[in-house]
All heavy atoms as atom14 arrays in JSON, in Angstrom:
{
  "sequence": "KRLNIRNLITEFNIYEKLNGDFLSGDMVI",
  "atom14_mask": [
    [1, 1, 1, 1, 1, 1, 1, 1, 1, 0, 0, 0, 0, 0],
    [1, 1, 1, 1, 1, 1, 1, 1, 1, 1, 1, 0, 0, 0],
    [1, 1, 1, 1, 1, 1, 1, 1, 0, 0, 0, 0, 0, 0],
    [1, 1, 1, 1, 1, 1, 1, 1, 0, 0, 0, 0, 0, 0],
    [1, 1, 1, 1, 1, 1, 1, 1, 0, 0, 0, 0, 0, 0],
    [1, 1, 1, 1, 1, 1, 1, 1, 1, 1, 1, 0, 0, 0],
    [1, 1, 1, 1, 1, 1, 1, 1, 0, 0, 0, 0, 0, 0],
    [1, 1, 1, 1, 1, 1, 1, 1, 0, 0, 0, 0, 0, 0],
    [1, 1, 1, 1, 1, 1, 1, 1, 0, 0, 0, 0, 0, 0],
    [1, 1, 1, 1, 1, 1, 1, 0, 0, 0, 0, 0, 0, 0],
    [1, 1, 1, 1, 1, 1, 1, 1, 1, 0, 0, 0, 0, 0],
    [1, 1, 1, 1, 1, 1, 1, 1, 1, 1, 1, 0, 0, 0],
    [1, 1, 1, 1, 1, 1, 1, 1, 0, 0, 0, 0, 0, 0],
    [1, 1, 1, 1, 1, 1, 1, 1, 0, 0, 0, 0, 0, 0],
    [1, 1, 1, 1, 1, 1, 1, 1, 1, 1, 1, 1, 0, 0],
    [1, 1, 1, 1, 1, 1, 1, 1, 1, 0, 0, 0, 0, 0],
    [1, 1, 1, 1, 1, 1, 1, 1, 1, 0, 0, 0, 0, 0],
    [1, 1, 1, 1, 1, 1, 1, 1, 0, 0, 0, 0, 0, 0],
    [1, 1, 1, 1, 1, 1, 1, 1, 0, 0, 0, 0, 0, 0],
    [1, 1, 1, 1, 0, 0, 0, 0, 0, 0, 0, 0, 0, 0],
    [1, 1, 1, 1, 1, 1, 1, 1, 0, 0, 0, 0, 0, 0],
    [1, 1, 1, 1, 1, 1, 1, 1, 1, 1, 1, 0, 0, 0],
    [1, 1, 1, 1, 1, 1, 1, 1, 0, 0, 0, 0, 0, 0],
    [1, 1, 1, 1, 1, 1, 0, 0, 0, 0, 0, 0, 0, 0],
    [1, 1, 1, 1, 0, 0, 0, 0, 0, 0, 0, 0, 0, 0],
    [1, 1, 1, 1, 1, 1, 1, 1, 0, 0, 0, 0, 0, 0],
    [1, 1, 1, 1, 1, 1, 1, 1, 0, 0, 0, 0, 0, 0],
    [1, 1, 1, 1, 1, 1, 1, 0, 0, 0, 0, 0, 0, 0],
    [1, 1, 1, 1, 1, 1, 1, 1, 0, 0, 0, 0, 0, 0]
  ],
  "atom14_positions": [
    [[-31.51, 10.43, 28.0], [-30.37, 10.53, 28.92], [-30.34, 9.33, 29.85], [-31.36, 8.93, 30.41], [-30.48, 11.82, 29.75], [-30.22, 13.1, 28.97], [-30.24, 14.29, 29.91], [-29.93, 15.58, 29.19], [-29.97, 16.73, 30.11], [0.0, 0.0, 0.0], [0.0, 0.0, 0.0], [0.0, 0.0, 0.0], [0.0, 0.0, 0.0], [0.0, 0.0, 0.0]],
    [[-29.17, 8.72, 30.0], [-28.96, 7.59, 30.9], [-27.89, 7.98, 31.92], [-26.84, 8.49, 31.56], [-28.5, 6.35, 30.14], [-29.52, 5.79, 29.18], [-28.93, 4.66, 28.36], [-28.49, 3.57, 29.2], [-29.24, 2.52, 29.55], [-30.5, 2.47, 29.13], [-28.76, 1.55, 30.29], [0.0, 0.0, 0.0], [0.0, 0.0, 0.0], [0.0, 0.0, 0.0]],
    [[-28.18, 7.71, 33.19], [-27.23, 8.05, 34.24], [-27.12, 6.89, 35.21], [-28.12, 6.41, 35.73], [-27.69, 9.31, 34.98], [-26.73, 9.87, 36.03], [-25.44, 10.35, 35.36], [-27.38, 11.03, 36.79], [0.0, 0.0, 0.0], [0.0, 0.0, 0.0], [0.0, 0.0, 0.0], [0.0, 0.0, 0.0], [0.0, 0.0, 0.0], [0.0, 0.0, 0.0]],
    [[-25.89, 6.41, 35.43], [-25.64, 5.33, 36.37], [-25.54, 5.91, 37.78], [-24.6, 6.66, 38.08], [-24.36, 4.59, 36.0], [-24.12, 3.36, 36.87], [-24.92, 3.03, 37.75], [-23.02, 2.68, 36.61], [0.0, 0.0, 0.0], [0.0, 0.0, 0.0], [0.0, 0.0, 0.0], [0.0, 0.0, 0.0], [0.0, 0.0, 0.0], [0.0, 0.0, 0.0]],
    [[-26.5, 5.58, 38.65], [-26.52, 6.13, 40.01], [-26.11, 5.08, 41.04], [-26.34, 5.27, 42.24], [-27.91, 6.7, 40.35], [-28.98, 5.59, 40.28], [-28.27, 7.86, 39.44], [-30.33, 6.01, 40.84], [0.0, 0.0, 0.0], [0.0, 0.0, 0.0], [0.0, 0.0, 0.0], [0.0, 0.0, 0.0], [0.0, 0.0, 0.0], [0.0, 0.0, 0.0]],
    [[-25.51, 3.99, 40.59], [-25.15, 2.88, 41.5], [-24.35, 3.36, 42.7], [-24.61, 2.96, 43.83], [-24.36, 1.82, 40.71], [-23.8, 0.67, 41.55], [-24.94, -0.16, 42.12], [-24.45, -1.32, 42.83], [-23.97, -1.32, 44.07], [-23.9, -0.17, 44.74], [-23.57, -2.43, 44.65], [0.0, 0.0, 0.0], [0.0, 0.0, 0.0], [0.0, 0.0, 0.0]],
    [[-23.37, 4.23, 42.49], [-22.5, 4.68, 43.57], [-23.11, 5.77, 44.44], [-22.5, 6.21, 45.42], [-21.16, 5.16, 43.0], [-20.36, 4.02, 42.38], [-20.44, 2.88, 42.82], [-19.61, 4.33, 41.33], [0.0, 0.0, 0.0], [0.0, 0.0, 0.0], [0.0, 0.0, 0.0], [0.0, 0.0, 0.0], [0.0, 0.0, 0.0], [0.0, 0.0, 0.0]],
    [[-24.32, 6.23, 44.07], [-25.0, 7.26, 44.87], [-25.98, 6.66, 45.87], [-26.49, 7.36, 46.74], [-25.76, 8.23, 43.95], [-24.97, 8.91, 42.84], [-25.89, 9.87, 42.07], [-23.77, 9.65, 43.38], [0.0, 0.0, 0.0], [0.0, 0.0, 0.0], [0.0, 0.0, 0.0], [0.0, 0.0, 0.0], [0.0, 0.0, 0.0], [0.0, 0.0, 0.0]],
    [[-26.24, 5.35, 45.75], [-27.27, 4.7, 46.57], [-26.7, 4.34, 47.93], [-25.68, 3.65, 48.04], [-27.8, 3.43, 45.87], [-28.45, 3.79, 44.53], [-28.79, 2.71, 46.76], [-28.81, 2.59, 43.69], [0.0, 0.0, 0.0], [0.0, 0.0, 0.0], [0.0, 0.0, 0.0], [0.0, 0.0, 0.0], [0.0, 0.0, 0.0], [0.0, 0.0, 0.0]],
    [[-27.38, 4.8, 48.99], [-26.96, 4.46, 50.35], [-27.94, 3.53, 51.06], [-27.62, 2.95, 52.09], [-26.79, 5.74, 51.2], [-28.01, 6.5, 51.16], [-25.65, 6.59, 50.65], [0.0, 0.0, 0.0], [0.0, 0.0, 0.0], [0.0, 0.0, 0.0], [0.0, 0.0, 0.0], [0.0, 0.0, 0.0], [0.0, 0.0, 0.0], [0.0, 0.0, 0.0]],
    [[-29.14, 3.39, 50.5], [-30.12, 2.45, 51.05], [-31.02, 1.98, 49.9], [-31.35, 2.77, 49.02], [-30.98, 3.1, 52.14], [-31.97, 2.16, 52.78], [-32.78, 2.83, 53.87], [-32.24, 3.72, 54.57], [-33.97, 2.48, 54.02], [0.0, 0.0, 0.0], [0.0, 0.0, 0.0], [0.0, 0.0, 0.0], [0.0, 0.0, 0.0], [0.0, 0.0, 0.0]],
    [[-31.4, 0.7, 49.95], [-32.11, 0.12, 48.82], [-33.12, -0.9, 49.33], [-32.77, -1.78, 50.12], [-31.09, -0.56, 47.89], [-31.66, -1.1, 46.63], [-31.75, -0.32, 45.49], [-32.11, -2.41, 46.56], [-32.26, -0.83, 44.31], [-32.62, -2.93, 45.39], [-32.7, -2.13, 44.26], [0.0, 0.0, 0.0], [0.0, 0.0, 0.0], [0.0, 0.0, 0.0]],
    [[-34.38, -0.81, 48.89], [-35.43, -1.73, 49.34], [-36.33, -2.11, 48.17], [-36.67, -1.27, 47.33], [-36.3, -1.08, 50.42], [-35.5, -0.64, 51.63], [-35.07, -1.46, 52.43], [-35.31, 0.67, 51.76], [0.0, 0.0, 0.0], [0.0, 0.0, 0.0], [0.0, 0.0, 0.0], [0.0, 0.0, 0.0], [0.0, 0.0, 0.0], [0.0, 0.0, 0.0]],
    [[-36.73, -3.39, 48.13], [-37.75, -3.87, 47.2], [-38.86, -4.5, 48.03], [-38.6, -5.28, 48.95], [-37.19, -4.89, 46.19], [-36.21, -4.22, 45.24], [-38.31, -5.53, 45.38], [-35.6, -5.15, 44.22], [0.0, 0.0, 0.0], [0.0, 0.0, 0.0], [0.0, 0.0, 0.0], [0.0, 0.0, 0.0], [0.0, 0.0, 0.0], [0.0, 0.0, 0.0]],
    [[-40.12, -4.18, 47.69], [-41.26, -4.66, 48.45], [-42.11, -5.61, 47.61], [-42.57, -5.26, 46.52], [-42.12, -3.48, 48.92], [-41.33, -2.47, 49.72], [-41.0, -1.23, 49.16], [-40.9, -2.76, 51.01], [-40.27, -0.31, 49.88], [-40.16, -1.84, 51.74], [-39.85, -0.61, 51.17], [-39.11, 0.3, 51.88], [0.0, 0.0, 0.0], [0.0, 0.0, 0.0]],
    [[-42.26, -6.82, 48.11], [-43.06, -7.86, 47.46], [-44.01, -8.4, 48.52], [-43.58, -9.06, 49.46], [-42.14, -8.96, 46.92], [-42.83, -10.11, 46.24], [-41.84, -11.17, 45.79], [-40.98, -10.87, 44.95], [-41.94, -12.31, 46.31], [0.0, 0.0, 0.0], [0.0, 0.0, 0.0], [0.0, 0.0, 0.0], [0.0, 0.0, 0.0], [0.0, 0.0, 0.0]],
    [[-45.32, -8.1, 48.38], [-46.27, -8.4, 49.44], [-47.5, -9.12, 48.9], [-47.98, -8.82, 47.81], [-46.71, -7.1, 50.13], [-45.57, -6.3, 50.76], [-46.06, -5.02, 51.38], [-46.5, -4.02, 50.32], [-46.88, -2.71, 50.9], [0.0, 0.0, 0.0], [0.0, 0.0, 0.0], [0.0, 0.0, 0.0], [0.0, 0.0, 0.0], [0.0, 0.0, 0.0]],
    [[-48.01, -10.06, 49.7], [-49.23, -10.76, 49.3], [-50.43, -9.83, 49.3], [-51.4, -10.05, 48.57], [-49.49, -11.94, 50.24], [-48.57, -13.15, 50.08], [-48.91, -14.22, 51.12], [-48.67, -13.75, 48.68], [0.0, 0.0, 0.0], [0.0, 0.0, 0.0], [0.0, 0.0, 0.0], [0.0, 0.0, 0.0], [0.0, 0.0, 0.0], [0.0, 0.0, 0.0]],
    [[-50.4, -8.78, 50.12], [-51.52, -7.84, 50.16], [-51.21, -6.56, 49.39], [-51.88, -5.54, 49.54], [-51.87, -7.49, 51.61], [-50.71, -6.84, 52.35], [-49.58, -6.83, 51.88], [-50.98, -6.29, 53.53], [0.0, 0.0, 0.0], [0.0, 0.0, 0.0], [0.0, 0.0, 0.0], [0.0, 0.0, 0.0], [0.0, 0.0, 0.0], [0.0, 0.0, 0.0]],
    [[-50.17, -6.63, 48.53], [-49.84, -5.5, 47.67], [-49.92, -5.94, 46.22], [-49.47, -7.02, 45.86], [0.0, 0.0, 0.0], [0.0, 0.0, 0.0], [0.0, 0.0, 0.0], [0.0, 0.0, 0.0], [0.0, 0.0, 0.0], [0.0, 0.0, 0.0], [0.0, 0.0, 0.0], [0.0, 0.0, 0.0], [0.0, 0.0, 0.0], [0.0, 0.0, 0.0]],
    [[-50.52, -5.14, 45.37], [-50.78, -5.56, 44.0], [-49.54, -5.58, 43.13], [-49.41, -6.42, 42.23], [-51.82, -4.62, 43.38], [-53.13, -4.62, 44.15], [-53.68, -5.71, 44.37], [-53.58, -3.53, 44.54], [0.0, 0.0, 0.0], [0.0, 0.0, 0.0], [0.0, 0.0, 0.0], [0.0, 0.0, 0.0], [0.0, 0.0, 0.0], [0.0, 0.0, 0.0]],
    [[-48.61, -4.65, 43.37], [-47.48, -4.48, 42.45], [-46.15, -4.49, 43.2], [-46.07, -4.1, 44.36], [-47.61, -3.16, 41.69], [-48.93, -3.0, 40.98], [-49.9, -2.14, 41.48], [-49.2, -3.74, 39.84], [-51.12, -2.0, 40.83], [-50.42, -3.6, 39.19], [-51.39, -2.75, 39.69], [0.0, 0.0, 0.0], [0.0, 0.0, 0.0], [0.0, 0.0, 0.0]],
    [[-45.1, -4.91, 42.49], [-43.75, -4.74, 43.01], [-43.44, -3.26, 43.12], [-43.78, -2.47, 42.25], [-42.73, -5.4, 42.08], [-42.52, -6.9, 42.17], [-41.52, -7.35, 41.1], [-42.03, -7.3, 43.54], [0.0, 0.0, 0.0], [0.0, 0.0, 0.0], [0.0, 0.0, 0.0], [0.0, 0.0, 0.0], [0.0, 0.0, 0.0], [0.0, 0.0, 0.0]],
    [[-42.77, -2.9, 44.2], [-42.37, -1.51, 44.38], [-41.07, -1.48, 45.16], [-40.57, -2.51, 45.61], [-43.46, -0.71, 45.11], [-43.66, -1.23, 46.42], [0.0, 0.0, 0.0], [0.0, 0.0, 0.0], [0.0, 0.0, 0.0], [0.0, 0.0, 0.0], [0.0, 0.0, 0.0], [0.0, 0.0, 0.0], [0.0, 0.0, 0.0], [0.0, 0.0, 0.0]],
    [[-40.52, -0.31, 45.3], [-39.28, -0.19, 46.05], [-38.91, 1.26, 46.26], [-39.6, 2.18, 45.82], [0.0, 0.0, 0.0], [0.0, 0.0, 0.0], [0.0, 0.0, 0.0], [0.0, 0.0, 0.0], [0.0, 0.0, 0.0], [0.0, 0.0, 0.0], [0.0, 0.0, 0.0], [0.0, 0.0, 0.0], [0.0, 0.0, 0.0], [0.0, 0.0, 0.0]],
    [[-37.81, 1.46, 46.94], [-37.28, 2.8, 47.12], [-35.78, 2.74, 47.31], [-35.22, 1.69, 47.65], [-37.96, 3.52, 48.29], [-37.85, 2.76, 49.6], [-36.72, 2.46, 50.03], [-38.89, 2.46, 50.2], [0.0, 0.0, 0.0], [0.0, 0.0, 0.0], [0.0, 0.0, 0.0], [0.0, 0.0, 0.0], [0.0, 0.0, 0.0], [0.0, 0.0, 0.0]],
    [[-35.13, 3.83, 47.06], [-33.69, 3.94, 47.28], [-33.37, 5.33, 47.79], [-33.98, 6.32, 47.38], [-32.9, 3.64, 46.0], [-33.26, 4.46, 44.8], [-32.35, 3.99, 43.29], [-33.13, 2.41, 42.91], [0.0, 0.0, 0.0], [0.0, 0.0, 0.0], [0.0, 0.0, 0.0], [0.0, 0.0, 0.0], [0.0, 0.0, 0.0], [0.0, 0.0, 0.0]],
    [[-32.46, 5.38, 48.74], [-32.0, 6.66, 49.28], [-30.74, 7.06, 48.51], [-29.78, 6.28, 48.4], [-31.71, 6.56, 50.78], [-31.12, 7.88, 51.3], [-32.99, 6.22, 51.55], [0.0, 0.0, 0.0], [0.0, 0.0, 0.0], [0.0, 0.0, 0.0], [0.0, 0.0, 0.0], [0.0, 0.0, 0.0], [0.0, 0.0, 0.0], [0.0, 0.0, 0.0]],
    [[-30.75, 8.28, 47.97], [-29.68, 8.78, 47.13], [-28.93, 9.89, 47.87], [-29.55, 10.82, 48.39], [-30.22, 9.36, 45.8], [-31.1, 8.32, 45.08], [-29.09, 9.84, 44.92], [-30.38, 7.1, 44.63], [0.0, 0.0, 0.0], [0.0, 0.0, 0.0], [0.0, 0.0, 0.0], [0.0, 0.0, 0.0], [0.0, 0.0, 0.0], [0.0, 0.0, 0.0]]
  ]
}
């Protein structure tokens, strides 16, 4: 199942840190 949630997103963040091992992020739906 594929669902486009682009229009449901009200906040969006991507975290890229020198003291963080992996890319991560969050979105408020």
